[in-house]
Amino acid sequence: MPNPKRRHSKRRTSTRRAHDALQVPQLAECPNCHEKIRAHRACPHCGKYKGREVVEVVEA
């Protein structure tokens, strides 16, 4: 395997790492109960997805 001949500068390293930061997950609104949920997932509060119940929710 080839090895680098010279070290990379701090700027080059930082530029490469600029996209490594964690991102906040995108949230959508549940059309049934209006809670914030992750997109394309069943609502954990009401158990509905695309207008039909897919998860049975147990009340605490």
N, C-alpha and C. Protein backbone atom coordinates (compact mmCIF):
# COMPACT_ATOMS: atom_id res chain seq x y z
N MET A 1 0.84 -1.18 0.00
CA MET A 1 0.00 0.00 0.00
C MET A 1 0.89 1.25 0.00
N PRO A 2 0.55 2.23 -0.80
CA PRO A 2 1.33 3.46 -0.80
C PRO A 2 1.04 4.28 0.45
N ASN A 3 2.07 4.92 0.94
CA ASN A 3 1.95 5.80 2.09
C ASN A 3 2.16 7.24 1.66
N PRO A 4 1.53 8.20 2.37
CA PRO A 4 1.73 9.60 1.99
C PRO A 4 3.18 10.04 2.22
N LYS A 5 3.69 10.81 1.26
CA LYS A 5 5.06 11.29 1.39
C LYS A 5 5.16 12.44 2.39
N ARG A 6 4.13 13.30 2.41
CA ARG A 6 4.15 14.45 3.31
C ARG A 6 2.85 14.48 4.10
N ARG A 7 2.90 15.11 5.24
CA ARG A 7 1.69 15.20 6.06
C ARG A 7 0.73 16.21 5.48
N HIS A 8 -0.55 16.00 5.73
CA HIS A 8 -1.56 16.94 5.26
C HIS A 8 -1.62 18.12 6.21
N SER A 9 -1.90 19.28 5.68
CA SER A 9 -1.97 20.49 6.49
C SER A 9 -3.23 20.45 7.37
N LYS A 10 -3.22 21.30 8.40
CA LYS A 10 -4.37 21.38 9.30
C LYS A 10 -5.62 21.83 8.56
N ARG A 11 -5.43 22.74 7.61
CA ARG A 11 -6.57 23.24 6.85
C ARG A 11 -7.20 22.14 6.01
N ARG A 12 -6.36 21.34 5.37
CA ARG A 12 -6.88 20.27 4.52
C ARG A 12 -7.63 19.22 5.37
N THR A 13 -7.07 18.91 6.53
CA THR A 13 -7.72 17.96 7.43
C THR A 13 -9.05 18.51 7.93
N SER A 14 -9.06 19.78 8.33
CA SER A 14 -10.29 20.40 8.84
C SER A 14 -11.35 20.49 7.77
N THR A 15 -10.94 20.78 6.54
CA THR A 15 -11.89 20.88 5.44
C THR A 15 -12.55 19.54 5.18
N ARG A 16 -11.78 18.47 5.26
CA ARG A 16 -12.33 17.14 5.05
C ARG A 16 -13.31 16.79 6.17
N ARG A 17 -13.00 17.18 7.39
CA ARG A 17 -13.83 16.84 8.55
C ARG A 17 -15.02 17.76 8.73
N ALA A 18 -15.18 18.76 7.89
CA ALA A 18 -16.26 19.72 8.04
C ALA A 18 -17.64 19.07 7.91
N HIS A 19 -17.72 17.93 7.20
CA HIS A 19 -19.00 17.27 6.98
C HIS A 19 -19.26 16.14 7.97
N ASP A 20 -18.40 15.97 8.96
CA ASP A 20 -18.53 14.85 9.90
C ASP A 20 -19.41 15.16 11.10
N ALA A 21 -19.88 16.38 11.23
CA ALA A 21 -20.68 16.76 12.40
C ALA A 21 -22.03 16.04 12.39
N LEU A 22 -22.55 15.74 13.57
CA LEU A 22 -23.86 15.11 13.68
C LEU A 22 -24.94 16.11 13.30
N GLN A 23 -25.99 15.60 12.67
CA GLN A 23 -27.09 16.47 12.26
C GLN A 23 -28.33 16.18 13.10
N VAL A 24 -29.14 17.19 13.31
CA VAL A 24 -30.39 17.03 14.04
C VAL A 24 -31.37 16.29 13.14
N PRO A 25 -32.05 15.25 13.64
CA PRO A 25 -32.98 14.51 12.78
C PRO A 25 -34.15 15.38 12.34
N GLN A 26 -34.56 15.20 11.09
CA GLN A 26 -35.67 15.98 10.56
C GLN A 26 -36.97 15.46 11.15
N LEU A 27 -37.81 16.35 11.62
CA LEU A 27 -39.07 15.98 12.25
C LEU A 27 -40.25 16.44 11.39
N ALA A 28 -41.26 15.59 11.34
CA ALA A 28 -42.50 15.91 10.63
C ALA A 28 -43.63 15.91 11.65
N GLU A 29 -44.78 16.39 11.25
CA GLU A 29 -45.92 16.43 12.15
C GLU A 29 -46.87 15.29 11.82
N CYS A 30 -47.29 14.56 12.84
CA CYS A 30 -48.25 13.48 12.65
C CYS A 30 -49.59 14.10 12.25
N PRO A 31 -50.18 13.67 11.13
CA PRO A 31 -51.46 14.26 10.71
C PRO A 31 -52.62 13.90 11.62
N ASN A 32 -52.46 12.86 12.44
CA ASN A 32 -53.55 12.43 13.31
C ASN A 32 -53.52 13.14 14.67
N CYS A 33 -52.37 13.08 15.36
CA CYS A 33 -52.30 13.65 16.72
C CYS A 33 -51.45 14.91 16.79
N HIS A 34 -50.83 15.31 15.68
CA HIS A 34 -50.04 16.54 15.55
C HIS A 34 -48.81 16.57 16.47
N GLU A 35 -48.27 15.40 16.80
CA GLU A 35 -47.01 15.33 17.55
C GLU A 35 -45.86 15.34 16.55
N LYS A 36 -44.69 15.75 16.99
CA LYS A 36 -43.50 15.72 16.14
C LYS A 36 -42.95 14.29 16.11
N ILE A 37 -42.75 13.75 14.90
CA ILE A 37 -42.24 12.39 14.72
C ILE A 37 -41.19 12.39 13.62
N ARG A 38 -40.38 11.32 13.55
CA ARG A 38 -39.45 11.14 12.44
C ARG A 38 -40.26 10.83 11.19
N ALA A 39 -39.80 11.32 10.05
CA ALA A 39 -40.52 11.12 8.80
C ALA A 39 -40.51 9.65 8.38
N HIS A 40 -41.57 9.19 7.74
CA HIS A 40 -41.72 7.85 7.19
C HIS A 40 -41.66 6.76 8.25
N ARG A 41 -42.18 7.07 9.45
CA ARG A 41 -42.23 6.09 10.53
C ARG A 41 -43.60 6.17 11.19
N ALA A 42 -44.01 5.07 11.80
CA ALA A 42 -45.28 5.06 12.52
C ALA A 42 -45.17 5.96 13.74
N CYS A 43 -46.25 6.64 14.06
CA CYS A 43 -46.26 7.56 15.20
C CYS A 43 -46.24 6.75 16.50
N PRO A 44 -45.28 7.00 17.38
CA PRO A 44 -45.24 6.25 18.64
C PRO A 44 -46.32 6.69 19.63
N HIS A 45 -46.96 7.85 19.38
CA HIS A 45 -47.97 8.36 20.29
C HIS A 45 -49.35 7.80 19.99
N CYS A 46 -49.71 7.73 18.71
CA CYS A 46 -51.05 7.25 18.35
C CYS A 46 -51.01 5.92 17.58
N GLY A 47 -49.83 5.52 17.09
CA GLY A 47 -49.69 4.23 16.42
C GLY A 47 -50.17 4.20 14.98
N LYS A 48 -50.38 5.36 14.37
CA LYS A 48 -50.89 5.40 13.00
C LYS A 48 -49.79 5.74 12.02
N TYR A 49 -49.94 5.22 10.79
CA TYR A 49 -49.04 5.54 9.69
C TYR A 49 -49.87 5.57 8.43
N LYS A 50 -49.82 6.69 7.71
CA LYS A 50 -50.59 6.91 6.48
C LYS A 50 -52.09 6.66 6.70
N GLY A 51 -52.60 7.14 7.84
CA GLY A 51 -54.03 7.10 8.08
C GLY A 51 -54.58 5.80 8.64
N ARG A 52 -53.76 4.76 8.81
CA ARG A 52 -54.28 3.51 9.39
C ARG A 52 -53.41 3.11 10.57
N GLU A 53 -54.00 2.37 11.48
CA GLU A 53 -53.29 1.97 12.69
C GLU A 53 -52.41 0.76 12.38
N VAL A 54 -51.11 0.92 12.63
CA VAL A 54 -50.18 -0.16 12.37
C VAL A 54 -49.49 -0.65 13.63
N VAL A 55 -49.51 0.16 14.71
CA VAL A 55 -48.90 -0.20 15.98
C VAL A 55 -49.94 -0.02 17.06
N GLU A 56 -50.07 -1.04 17.91
CA GLU A 56 -51.00 -0.93 19.02
C GLU A 56 -50.29 -0.21 20.17
N VAL A 57 -50.84 0.91 20.61
CA VAL A 57 -50.22 1.74 21.65
C VAL A 57 -50.81 1.36 22.99
N VAL A 58 -49.92 1.08 23.95
CA VAL A 58 -50.34 0.75 25.31
C VAL A 58 -50.25 2.01 26.14
N GLU A 59 -51.33 2.38 26.81
CA GLU A 59 -51.34 3.59 27.65
C GLU A 59 -50.68 3.28 28.97
N ALA A 60 -49.83 4.22 29.44
CA ALA A 60 -49.10 4.00 30.69
C ALA A 60 -49.94 4.34 31.90
